[in-house]
C-alpha atoms as a PDB file:
ATOM      1  CA  MET A   1       0.116  -0.079  -0.350  1.00  0.00           C
ATOM      2  CA  ILE A   2       2.780   2.451   1.095  1.00  0.00           C
ATOM      3  CA  ALA A   3       4.644   1.624  -2.223  1.00  0.00           C
ATOM      4  CA  HIS A   4       1.448   2.069  -4.365  1.00  0.00           C
ATOM      5  CA  ARG A   5       0.787   5.407  -2.748  1.00  0.00           C
ATOM      6  CA  ALA A   6       4.536   6.455  -3.194  1.00  0.00           C
ATOM      7  CA  ASP A   7       4.385   5.403  -6.805  1.00  0.00           C
ATOM      8  CA  ALA A   8       1.066   7.374  -7.460  1.00  0.00           C
ATOM      9  CA  ALA A   9       2.365  10.359  -5.827  1.00  0.00           C
ATOM     10  CA  GLY A  10       5.570  10.158  -8.105  1.00  0.00           C
ATOM     11  CA  ARG A  11       3.031   9.997 -11.267  1.00  0.00           C
ATOM     12  CA  GLU A  12       1.073  12.780 -10.112  1.00  0.00           C
ATOM     13  CA  GLY A  13       4.400  14.808  -9.634  1.00  0.00           C
ATOM     14  CA  VAL A  14       5.139  14.168 -13.286  1.00  0.00           C
ATOM     15  CA  ALA A  15       1.733  14.813 -14.463  1.00  0.00           C
ATOM     16  CA  ALA A  16       1.931  18.184 -12.941  1.00  0.00           C
ATOM     17  CA  SER A  17       5.212  19.562 -13.808  1.00  0.00           C
ATOM     18  CA  GLY A  18       5.035  17.872 -17.390  1.00  0.00           C
ATOM     19  CA  ARG A  19       8.624  16.515 -16.783  1.00  0.00           C
ATOM     20  CA  PRO A  20      10.098  13.899 -14.306  1.00  0.00           C
ATOM     21  CA  PRO A  21      11.670  15.491 -11.341  1.00  0.00           C
ATOM     22  CA  ALA A  22      14.963  16.765 -10.823  1.00  0.00           C
ATOM     23  CA  GLY A  23      17.909  15.105 -10.217  1.00  0.00           C
ATOM     24  CA  ARG A  24      19.114  15.737  -6.309  1.00  0.00           C
ATOM     25  CA  GLY A  25      21.407  18.947  -5.515  1.00  0.00           C
ATOM     26  CA  SER A  26      19.253  20.520  -8.600  1.00  0.00           C
ATOM     27  CA  HIS A  27      17.250  22.973  -6.445  1.00  0.00           C
ATOM     28  CA  ASP A  28      17.804  25.155  -3.497  1.00  0.00           C
ATOM     29  CA  ALA A  29      16.087  25.266  -0.171  1.00  0.00           C
ATOM     30  CA  ARG A  30      13.071  27.105  -2.175  1.00  0.00           C
ATOM     31  CA  HIS A  31      12.816  24.516  -4.455  1.00  0.00           C
ATOM     32  CA  VAL A  32      14.394  27.183  -7.145  1.00  0.00           C
ATOM     33  CA  PRO A  33      16.390  25.229 -10.262  1.00  0.00           C
ATOM     34  CA  LEU A  34      19.987  26.229  -9.595  1.00  0.00           C
ATOM     35  CA  SER A  35      22.030  27.776 -12.449  1.00  0.00           C
ATOM     36  CA  ARG A  36      24.932  25.906 -13.770  1.00  0.00           C
ATOM     37  CA  ALA A  37      27.189  28.396 -12.194  1.00  0.00           C
ATOM     38  CA  GLN A  38      25.804  27.274  -8.533  1.00  0.00           C
ATOM     39  CA  ARG A  39      25.762  23.314  -9.582  1.00  0.00           C
ATOM     40  CA  LEU A  40      29.547  24.133 -10.342  1.00  0.00           C
ATOM     41  CA  ALA A  41      30.131  25.563  -7.164  1.00  0.00           C
ATOM     42  CA  GLN A  42      28.344  22.583  -5.365  1.00  0.00           C
ATOM     43  CA  ASP A  43      30.576  20.271  -7.144  1.00  0.00           C
ATOM     44  CA  ALA A  44      33.765  22.187  -6.511  1.00  0.00           C
ATOM     45  CA  ALA A  45      32.925  22.457  -2.669  1.00  0.00           C
ATOM     46  CA  GLU A  46      32.229  18.601  -2.645  1.00  0.00           C
ATOM     47  CA  ALA A  47      35.173  17.717  -4.558  1.00  0.00           C
ATOM     48  CA  ALA A  48      37.326  20.487  -2.236  1.00  0.00           C
ATOM     49  CA  GLU A  49      35.768  18.380   1.150  1.00  0.00           C
ATOM     50  CA  LEU A  50      36.794  14.947  -0.727  1.00  0.00           C
ATOM     51  CA  ARG A  51      40.046  15.955  -1.572  1.00  0.00           C
ATOM     52  CA  ARG A  52      40.697  17.243   2.140  1.00  0.00           C
ATOM     53  CA  TYR A  53      39.695  13.849   3.646  1.00  0.00           C
ATOM     54  CA  GLN A  54      41.539  12.028   1.077  1.00  0.00           C
ATOM     55  CA  THR A  55      44.937  13.990   1.414  1.00  0.00           C
ATOM     56  CA  HIS A  56      44.870  13.869   5.167  1.00  0.00           C
ATOM     57  CA  PRO A  57      47.605  12.182   6.799  1.00  0.00           C
ATOM     58  CA  ASP A  58      45.918   9.409   8.268  1.00  0.00           C
ATOM     59  CA  VAL A  59      44.362   8.710   4.960  1.00  0.00           C
ATOM     60  CA  VAL A  60      47.455   8.652   3.284  1.00  0.00           C
ATOM     61  CA  ALA A  61      48.959   6.425   5.686  1.00  0.00           C
ATOM     62  CA  LEU A  62      46.184   4.040   6.221  1.00  0.00           C
ATOM     63  CA  ARG A  63      46.388   3.416   2.195  1.00  0.00           C
ATOM     64  CA  VAL A  64      50.345   2.310   2.563  1.00  0.00           C
ATOM     65  CA  GLU A  65      48.950   0.213   5.357  1.00  0.00           C
ATOM     66  CA  ARG A  66      46.466  -1.858   3.341  1.00  0.00           C
ATOM     67  CA  VAL A  67      49.098  -2.240   0.391  1.00  0.00           C
ATOM     68  CA  ARG A  68      51.244  -3.970   2.990  1.00  0.00           C
ATOM     69  CA  THR A  69      48.550  -6.146   4.108  1.00  0.00           C
ATOM     70  CA  GLN A  70      47.869  -7.112   0.578  1.00  0.00           C
ATOM     71  CA  VAL A  71      51.721  -7.827   0.170  1.00  0.00           C
ATOM     72  CA  ASP A  72      51.780  -9.677   3.644  1.00  0.00           C
ATOM     73  CA  ARG A  73      48.838 -11.888   2.508  1.00  0.00           C
ATOM     74  CA  MET A  74      50.264 -12.829  -1.188  1.00  0.00           C
ATOM     75  CA  CYS A  75      53.431 -13.380   0.462  1.00  0.00           C
ATOM     76  CA  TRP A  76      51.997 -15.816   2.923  1.00  0.00           C
ATOM     77  CA  ALA A  77      49.789 -17.700   0.506  1.00  0.00           C
ATOM     78  CA  GLY A  78      52.891 -18.137  -1.791  1.00  0.00           C
ATOM     79  CA  ILE A  79      54.824 -19.470   1.084  1.00  0.00           C
ATOM     80  CA  VAL A  80      52.163 -21.828   2.394  1.00  0.00           C
ATOM     81  CA  LEU A  81      51.499 -23.173  -1.357  1.00  0.00           C
ATOM     82  CA  GLY A  82      55.138 -23.774  -1.365  1.00  0.00           C
ATOM     83  CA  LEU A  83      55.310 -25.731   1.468  1.00  0.00           C
ATOM     84  CA  CYS A  84      52.236 -27.779   0.565  1.00  0.00           C
ATOM     85  CA  PHE A  85      53.858 -28.723  -2.510  1.00  0.00           C
ATOM     86  CA  THR A  86      56.912 -30.035  -0.391  1.00  0.00           C
ATOM     87  CA  MET A  87      54.988 -32.204   1.892  1.00  0.00           C
ATOM     88  CA  THR A  88      54.701 -35.067  -0.522  1.00  0.00           C
ATOM     89  CA  ASN A  89      58.178 -35.349  -1.440  1.00  0.00           C
ATOM     90  CA  VAL A  90      59.551 -35.067   2.089  1.00  0.00           C
ATOM     91  CA  ALA A  91      57.066 -37.638   3.321  1.00  0.00           C
ATOM     92  CA  HIS A  92      58.296 -39.960   0.552  1.00  0.00           C
ATOM     93  CA  PHE A  93      61.742 -39.327   1.986  1.00  0.00           C
ATOM     94  CA  ALA A  94      61.216 -39.822   5.189  1.00  0.00           C
ATOM     95  CA  ALA A  95      58.743 -42.804   4.651  1.00  0.00           C
ATOM     96  CA  ALA A  96      62.069 -44.680   2.800  1.00  0.00           C
ATOM     97  CA  GLY A  97      59.892 -47.143   1.004  1.00  0.00           C
ATOM     98  CA  SER A  98      57.616 -48.232   4.133  1.00  0.00           C
ATOM     99  CA  PRO A  99      54.292 -49.559   3.663  1.00  0.00           C
ATOM    100  CA  ALA A 100      51.281 -47.372   3.379  1.00  0.00           C
ATOM    101  CA  TRP A 101      49.426 -46.662   6.776  1.00  0.00           C
ATOM    102  CA  SER A 102      52.140 -47.918   8.565  1.00  0.00           C
ATOM    103  CA  LEU A 103      53.541 -46.407  11.701  1.00  0.00           C
ATOM    104  CA  PRO A 104      56.974 -45.359   9.782  1.00  0.00           C
ATOM    105  CA  TRP A 105      54.504 -44.264   7.072  1.00  0.00           C
ATOM    106  CA  LEU A 106      52.490 -42.173   9.055  1.00  0.00           C
ATOM    107  CA  ALA A 107      55.103 -40.654  11.260  1.00  0.00           C
ATOM    108  CA  ALA A 108      56.897 -39.294   7.967  1.00  0.00           C
ATOM    109  CA  TRP A 109      54.019 -37.145   7.394  1.00  0.00           C
ATOM    110  CA  LEU A 110      54.783 -35.640  10.399  1.00  0.00           C
ATOM    111  CA  LEU A 111      58.266 -34.640   9.615  1.00  0.00           C
ATOM    112  CA  ASP A 112      57.358 -31.921   6.740  1.00  0.00           C
ATOM    113  CA  PRO A 113      54.870 -29.926   8.999  1.00  0.00           C
ATOM    114  CA  THR A 114      57.164 -30.104  12.037  1.00  0.00           C
ATOM    115  CA  VAL A 115      59.730 -28.131   9.927  1.00  0.00           C
ATOM    116  CA  SER A 116      57.028 -26.118   8.331  1.00  0.00           C
ATOM    117  CA  LEU A 117      55.247 -24.808  11.521  1.00  0.00           C
ATOM    118  CA  VAL A 118      59.005 -23.740  12.703  1.00  0.00           C
ATOM    119  CA  LEU A 119      59.683 -21.723   9.671  1.00  0.00           C
ATOM    120  CA  LEU A 120      56.037 -19.946   9.785  1.00  0.00           C
ATOM    121  CA  ALA A 121      56.322 -19.341  13.567  1.00  0.00           C
ATOM    122  CA  ILE A 122      59.785 -17.489  13.088  1.00  0.00           C
ATOM    123  CA  LEU A 123      58.336 -15.829   9.676  1.00  0.00           C
ATOM    124  CA  ARG A 124      55.318 -14.521  11.858  1.00  0.00           C
ATOM    125  CA  ALA A 125      57.216 -13.242  14.797  1.00  0.00           C
ATOM    126  CA  GLU A 126      59.517 -11.497  12.398  1.00  0.00           C
ATOM    127  CA  GLN A 127      56.114  -9.771  10.681  1.00  0.00           C
ATOM    128  CA  VAL A 128      55.877  -8.317  14.302  1.00  0.00           C
ATOM    129  CA  THR A 129      59.293  -7.425  14.568  1.00  0.00           C
ATOM    130  CA  ALA A 130      59.479  -5.716  11.354  1.00  0.00           C
ATOM    131  CA  ARG A 131      56.564  -3.876  11.773  1.00  0.00           C
ATOM    132  CA  TYR A 132      58.069  -2.049  14.892  1.00  0.00           C
ATOM    133  CA  ARG A 133      61.389  -1.943  13.621  1.00  0.00           C
ATOM    134  CA  VAL A 134      62.963  -4.420  15.928  1.00  0.00           C
ATOM    135  CA  ARG A 135      65.911  -6.298  14.977  1.00  0.00           C
ATOM    136  CA  THR A 136      65.996  -9.945  16.042  1.00  0.00           C
ATOM    137  CA  GLY A 137      69.302 -12.047  17.192  1.00  0.00           C
ATOM    138  CA  PRO A 138      71.258 -14.132  15.100  1.00  0.00           C
ATOM    139  CA  TRP A 139      69.901 -17.549  16.132  1.00  0.00           C
ATOM    140  CA  VAL A 140      66.618 -16.249  14.485  1.00  0.00           C
ATOM    141  CA  ARG A 141      67.926 -16.347  10.955  1.00  0.00           C
ATOM    142  CA  ALA A 142      70.093 -19.196  11.711  1.00  0.00           C
ATOM    143  CA  ALA A 143      66.876 -21.338  12.643  1.00  0.00           C
ATOM    144  CA  LYS A 144      65.112 -20.054   9.588  1.00  0.00           C
ATOM    145  CA  TRP A 145      67.808 -20.957   7.486  1.00  0.00           C
ATOM    146  CA  ALA A 146      68.208 -24.401   8.961  1.00  0.00           C
ATOM    147  CA  ALA A 147      64.234 -24.970   8.424  1.00  0.00           C
ATOM    148  CA  LEU A 148      64.492 -23.879   4.531  1.00  0.00           C
ATOM    149  CA  ALA A 149      67.463 -25.843   4.202  1.00  0.00           C
ATOM    150  CA  GLY A 150      66.376 -29.013   5.592  1.00  0.00           C
ATOM    151  CA  THR A 151      63.063 -28.724   3.395  1.00  0.00           C
ATOM    152  CA  TYR A 152      65.097 -28.483   0.192  1.00  0.00           C
ATOM    153  CA  VAL A 153      67.398 -31.181   1.106  1.00  0.00           C
ATOM    154  CA  MET A 154      64.369 -33.613   1.934  1.00  0.00           C
ATOM    155  CA  ASN A 155      62.477 -32.337  -1.008  1.00  0.00           C
ATOM    156  CA  THR A 156      65.265 -32.711  -3.604  1.00  0.00           C
ATOM    157  CA  TRP A 157      67.258 -35.888  -2.270  1.00  0.00           C
ATOM    158  CA  ALA A 158      65.428 -38.514  -4.315  1.00  0.00           C
ATOM    159  CA  SER A 159      65.929 -36.259  -7.415  1.00  0.00           C
ATOM    160  CA  TYR A 160      69.897 -35.987  -6.761  1.00  0.00           C
ATOM    161  CA  ALA A 161      69.995 -39.512  -6.356  1.00  0.00           C
ATOM    162  CA  ALA A 162      68.352 -40.216  -9.214  1.00  0.00           C
ATOM    163  CA  GLY A 163      70.315 -37.882 -11.421  1.00  0.00           C
ATOM    164  CA  SER A 164      66.965 -36.572 -13.206  1.00  0.00           C
ATOM    165  CA  ALA A 165      67.814 -33.029 -14.246  1.00  0.00           C
ATOM    166  CA  SER A 166      64.112 -32.020 -14.740  1.00  0.00           C
ATOM    167  CA  ALA A 167      63.082 -33.571 -11.357  1.00  0.00           C
ATOM    168  CA  ILE A 168      65.700 -31.478  -9.607  1.00  0.00           C
ATOM    169  CA  VAL A 169      64.585 -28.325 -11.217  1.00  0.00           C
ATOM    170  CA  LEU A 170      60.792 -29.091 -10.561  1.00  0.00           C
ATOM    171  CA  HIS A 171      61.511 -29.788  -6.869  1.00  0.00           C
ATOM    172  CA  SER A 172      64.009 -26.962  -6.256  1.00  0.00           C
ATOM    173  CA  VAL A 173      61.808 -24.174  -7.553  1.00  0.00           C
ATOM    174  CA  PRO A 174      59.274 -24.453  -4.599  1.00  0.00           C
ATOM    175  CA  PRO A 175      62.037 -24.323  -1.643  1.00  0.00           C
ATOM    176  CA  LEU A 176      63.778 -21.558  -3.493  1.00  0.00           C
ATOM    177  CA  ILE A 177      60.814 -19.481  -3.918  1.00  0.00           C
ATOM    178  CA  VAL A 178      59.358 -19.900  -0.265  1.00  0.00           C
ATOM    179  CA  PHE A 179      62.961 -19.310   0.946  1.00  0.00           C
ATOM    180  CA  ALA A 180      63.409 -16.077  -0.973  1.00  0.00           C
ATOM    181  CA  ALA A 181      60.143 -14.972  -0.135  1.00  0.00           C
ATOM    182  CA  ALA A 182      61.090 -15.963   3.696  1.00  0.00           C
ATOM    183  CA  GLU A 183      63.935 -13.393   3.217  1.00  0.00           C
ATOM    184  CA  ALA A 184      62.096 -10.788   1.164  1.00  0.00           C
ATOM    185  CA  VAL A 185      58.993 -10.514   2.976  1.00  0.00           C
ATOM    186  CA  THR A 186      60.896  -9.042   5.847  1.00  0.00           C
ATOM    187  CA  ASP A 187      62.460  -6.632   3.955  1.00  0.00           C
ATOM    188  CA  LEU A 188      59.242  -5.535   2.534  1.00  0.00           C
ATOM    189  CA  ARG A 189      57.762  -5.066   5.727  1.00  0.00           C
ATOM    190  CA  ASP A 190      60.491  -3.137   6.844  1.00  0.00           C
ATOM    191  CA  LYS A 191      60.205  -0.729   4.111  1.00  0.00           C
ATOM    192  CA  LEU A 192      56.617  -0.446   3.743  1.00  0.00           C
ATOM    193  CA  THR A 193      56.700   0.506   7.257  1.00  0.00           C
ATOM    194  CA  GLU A 194      59.003   3.464   6.435  1.00  0.00           C
ATOM    195  CA  ALA A 195      56.761   4.202   3.398  1.00  0.00           C
ATOM    196  CA  ALA A 196      53.946   4.363   5.924  1.00  0.00           C
ATOM    197  CA  THR A 197      55.470   7.099   8.292  1.00  0.00           C
ATOM    198  CA  ALA A 198      56.970   8.915   5.302  1.00  0.00           C
ATOM    199  CA  ALA A 199      53.878   9.548   3.779  1.00  0.00           C
ATOM    200  CA  PHE A 200      52.382  10.179   7.069  1.00  0.00           C
ATOM    201  CA  THR A 201      54.768  12.850   7.703  1.00  0.00           C
ATOM    202  CA  GLU A 202      54.782  14.297   4.087  1.00  0.00           C
ATOM    203  CA  ALA A 203      51.120  14.548   3.981  1.00  0.00           C
ATOM    204  CA  ALA A 204      51.046  16.144   7.583  1.00  0.00           C
ATOM    205  CA  ARG A 205      53.621  19.020   6.595  1.00  0.00           C
ATOM    206  CA  ARG A 206      51.482  19.463   3.103  1.00  0.00           C
ATOM    207  CA  GLU A 207      48.518  19.903   5.342  1.00  0.00           C
ATOM    208  CA  ALA A 208      50.501  22.202   7.830  1.00  0.00           C
ATOM    209  CA  GLU A 209      51.647  24.396   5.026  1.00  0.00           C
ATOM    210  CA  PRO A 210      48.297  26.032   4.196  1.00  0.00           C
ATOM    211  CA  LYS A 211      47.798  26.640   7.772  1.00  0.00           C
ATOM    212  CA  ALA A 212      50.822  28.272   8.275  1.00  0.00           C
ATOM    213  CA  VAL A 213      50.539  30.656   5.350  1.00  0.00           C
ATOM    214  CA  ASN A 214      46.784  31.648   6.655  1.00  0.00           C
ATOM    215  CA  ALA A 215      48.289  32.301  10.005  1.00  0.00           C
ATOM    216  CA  ALA A 216      50.675  34.685   8.514  1.00  0.00           C
ATOM    217  CA  ALA A 217      48.045  36.292   6.464  1.00  0.00           C
ATOM    218  CA  VAL A 218      45.878  36.871   9.592  1.00  0.00           C
ATOM    219  CA  HIS A 219      49.014  38.312  11.792  1.00  0.00           C
ATOM    220  CA  GLN A 220      50.288  40.356   9.116  1.00  0.00           C
ATOM    221  CA  PRO A 221      47.656  43.247   9.744  1.00  0.00           C
ATOM    222  CA  THR A 222      48.750  43.308  13.087  1.00  0.00           C
ATOM    223  CA  ALA A 223      52.559  43.838  12.259  1.00  0.00           C
ATOM    224  CA  THR A 224      51.932  46.681   9.665  1.00  0.00           C
ATOM    225  CA  ARG A 225      49.182  48.348  11.754  1.00  0.00           C
ATOM    226  CA  PRO A 226      51.711  50.872  13.470  1.00  0.00           C
ATOM    227  CA  LYS A 227      52.585  51.902  10.023  1.00  0.00           C
ATOM    228  CA  ARG A 228      48.878  52.602   9.265  1.00  0.00           C
ATOM    229  CA  ARG A 229      48.739  54.287  12.705  1.00  0.00           C
ATOM    230  CA  ARG A 230      51.356  56.520  11.930  1.00  0.00           C
ATOM    231  CA  ARG A 231      50.620  60.214  11.806  1.00  0.00           C
ATOM    232  CA  ALA A 232      50.895  62.090   8.393  1.00  0.00           C
ATOM    233  CA  THR A 233      53.204  64.906   8.428  1.00  0.00           C
ATOM    234  CA  ARG A 234      52.146  68.435   7.232  1.00  0.00           C
ATOM    235  CA  ARG A 235      53.658  69.186   3.640  1.00  0.00           C
ATOM    236  CA  LYS A 236      56.036  71.631   3.828  1.00  0.00           C
ATOM    237  CA  LEU A 237      55.158  75.116   1.795  1.00  0.00           C
ATOM    238  CA  PHE A 238      57.218  77.829   0.296  1.00  0.00           C
ATOM    239  CA  GLY A 239      56.483  80.293   3.337  1.00  0.00           C
ATOM    240  CA  ASP A 240      57.629  77.625   5.811  1.00  0.00           C
ATOM    241  CA  TYR A 241      61.282  77.159   3.662  1.00  0.00           C
ATOM    242  CA  LEU A 242      61.179  81.166   3.702  1.00  0.00           C
ATOM    243  CA  ALA A 243      60.705  81.597   7.335  1.00  0.00           C
ATOM    244  CA  GLU A 244      63.734  78.912   7.768  1.00  0.00           C
ATOM    245  CA  ALA A 245      65.962  80.773   5.623  1.00  0.00           C
ATOM    246  CA  ARG A 246      65.107  84.503   6.768  1.00  0.00           C
ATOM    247  CA  ALA A 247      65.516  83.004  10.677  1.00  0.00           C
ATOM    248  CA  ALA A 248      69.217  81.457   9.594  1.00  0.00           C
ATOM    249  CA  TRP A 249      69.836  84.687   7.574  1.00  0.00           C
ATOM    250  CA  SER A 250      72.131  87.156   9.123  1.00  0.00           C
ATOM    251  CA  PRO A 251      74.069  90.606   8.056  1.00  0.00           C
ATOM    252  CA  GLY A 252      77.050  89.585   5.868  1.00  0.00           C
ATOM    253  CA  VAL A 253      75.885  86.390   4.660  1.00  0.00           C
ATOM    254  CA  VAL A 254      75.414  86.144   1.098  1.00  0.00           C
ATOM    255  CA  VAL A 255      72.218  84.434  -0.203  1.00  0.00           C
ATOM    256  CA  SER A 256      72.501  81.928  -2.743  1.00  0.00           C
ATOM    257  CA  PRO A 257      70.375  78.809  -3.989  1.00  0.00           C
ATOM    258  CA  ALA A 258      73.366  76.721  -2.405  1.00  0.00           C
ATOM    259  CA  TRP A 259      73.193  78.398   1.244  1.00  0.00           C
ATOM    260  CA  VAL A 260      69.334  78.212   0.821  1.00  0.00           C
ATOM    261  CA  ARG A 261      69.438  74.447   0.375  1.00  0.00           C
ATOM    262  CA  GLN A 262      71.883  74.140   3.139  1.00  0.00           C
ATOM    263  CA  VAL A 263      69.853  75.767   6.113  1.00  0.00           C
ATOM    264  CA  THR A 264      66.382  74.761   4.745  1.00  0.00           C
ATOM    265  CA  GLY A 265      67.194  71.430   3.152  1.00  0.00           C
ATOM    266  CA  CYS A 266      64.837  72.257   0.162  1.00  0.00           C
ATOM    267  CA  SER A 267      65.241  71.019  -3.524  1.00  0.00           C
ATOM    268  CA  ARG A 268      67.299  72.273  -5.884  1.00  0.00           C
ATOM    269  CA  GLY A 269      64.326  73.395  -8.024  1.00  0.00           C
ATOM    270  CA  LEU A 270      63.011  75.627  -5.014  1.00  0.00           C
ATOM    271  CA  SER A 271      66.123  77.105  -3.973  1.00  0.00           C
ATOM    272  CA  PRO A 272      66.662  79.593  -6.789  1.00  0.00           C
ATOM    273  CA  ARG A 273      63.068  80.949  -5.898  1.00  0.00           C
ATOM    274  CA  LEU A 274      63.649  81.114  -2.057  1.00  0.00           C
ATOM    275  CA  ALA A 275      67.149  82.970  -2.839  1.00  0.00           C
ATOM    276  CA  ALA A 276      65.753  85.436  -4.915  1.00  0.00           C
ATOM    277  CA  ALA A 277      62.530  85.987  -2.490  1.00  0.00           C
ATOM    278  CA  LEU A 278      65.208  86.460   0.692  1.00  0.00           C
ATOM    279  CA  ALA A 279      67.778  88.645  -1.290  1.00  0.00           C
ATOM    280  CA  ALA A 280      64.502  91.019  -2.010  1.00  0.00           C
ATOM    281  CA  GLU A 281      63.599  90.836   1.468  1.00  0.00           C
ATOM    282  CA  THR A 282      67.413  91.781   3.194  1.00  0.00           C
ATOM    283  CA  ALA A 283      67.761  94.649   0.107  1.00  0.00           C
ATOM    284  CA  GLN A 284      64.314  95.983   1.228  1.00  0.00           C
ATOM    285  CA  SER A 285      65.002  95.879   4.762  1.00  0.00           C
ATOM    286  CA  THR A 286      68.726  97.446   4.160  1.00  0.00           C
ATOM    287  CA  ASN A 287      67.279 100.440   2.158  1.00  0.00           C
ATOM    288  CA  GLU A 288      64.758 101.327   5.103  1.00  0.00           C
ATOM    289  CA  ALA A 289      67.521 100.952   7.428  1.00  0.00           C
ATOM    290  CA  THR A 290      69.426 103.319   5.523  1.00  0.00           C
ATOM    291  CA  GLY A 291      66.824 105.954   4.823  1.00  0.00           C
ATOM    292  CA  GLY A 292      66.329 104.783   1.343  1.00  0.00           C
ATOM    293  CA  GLU A 293      69.828 105.745  -0.109  1.00  0.00           C
ATOM    294  CA  VAL A 294      70.626 103.225  -2.939  1.00  0.00           C
ATOM    295  CA  THR A 295      74.460 102.858  -3.265  1.00  0.00           C
ATOM    296  CA  PRO A 296      75.448 103.499  -6.945  1.00  0.00           C
END
């Protein structure tokens, strides 16, 4: 009944508007269709948020951790399959022609699991130590090599005794692959751990750079605020320079542009005008002092 009503309501909506309902995010809160620019702005905001989470240091490190887990699983699968392949040859070597289901024949099937379990235990322990970058002692490596060497010898003994090159190659490949994988998986875990740490550090540095830039931008106005608060000085006018020159002049001083520049600090272009004005004033004051007599 509920589904039938929802279907009917959907058909009514299509019939009322003449077109199917728009997709999600194509209308705003007031059910007004969004423009293309607004939809692009929504997509940009969603992409920015998604990228911010994808580039988060923990997410980047988690990706490397997942790769390391995949590498571990594939290496473990190859090692286990290789040891299972050698089980039959080792049991045949240990049985030494004993009748099937006899006690020696049954005991022979225990030899390969014994060696394989010791090897797997060492590899599992190295998996944990490599994760935390803890180096193991020489006995651990010696035990691992002894288990691998024993598996190889028991797996290829009959082939060497028969002198069959094809059988030697066939029964040598799985133990050698197991030996190489056992050595490589430890180094791979160690390097992948370093890669996860390096990825986390690099992502954290990239994430901190925009924050540092934003913080510098926020504090920059505060640092430059005293410059903006500096009180503006009043522009020096012609009368101000003339007053300074008049105050510095004394009888007997020859008024020249160079002297005006020295006492007032005015520009080279303004000093001739100041010198002429000051010379006129001093000449006028001198004439007034002498009673208007002009020296021929």
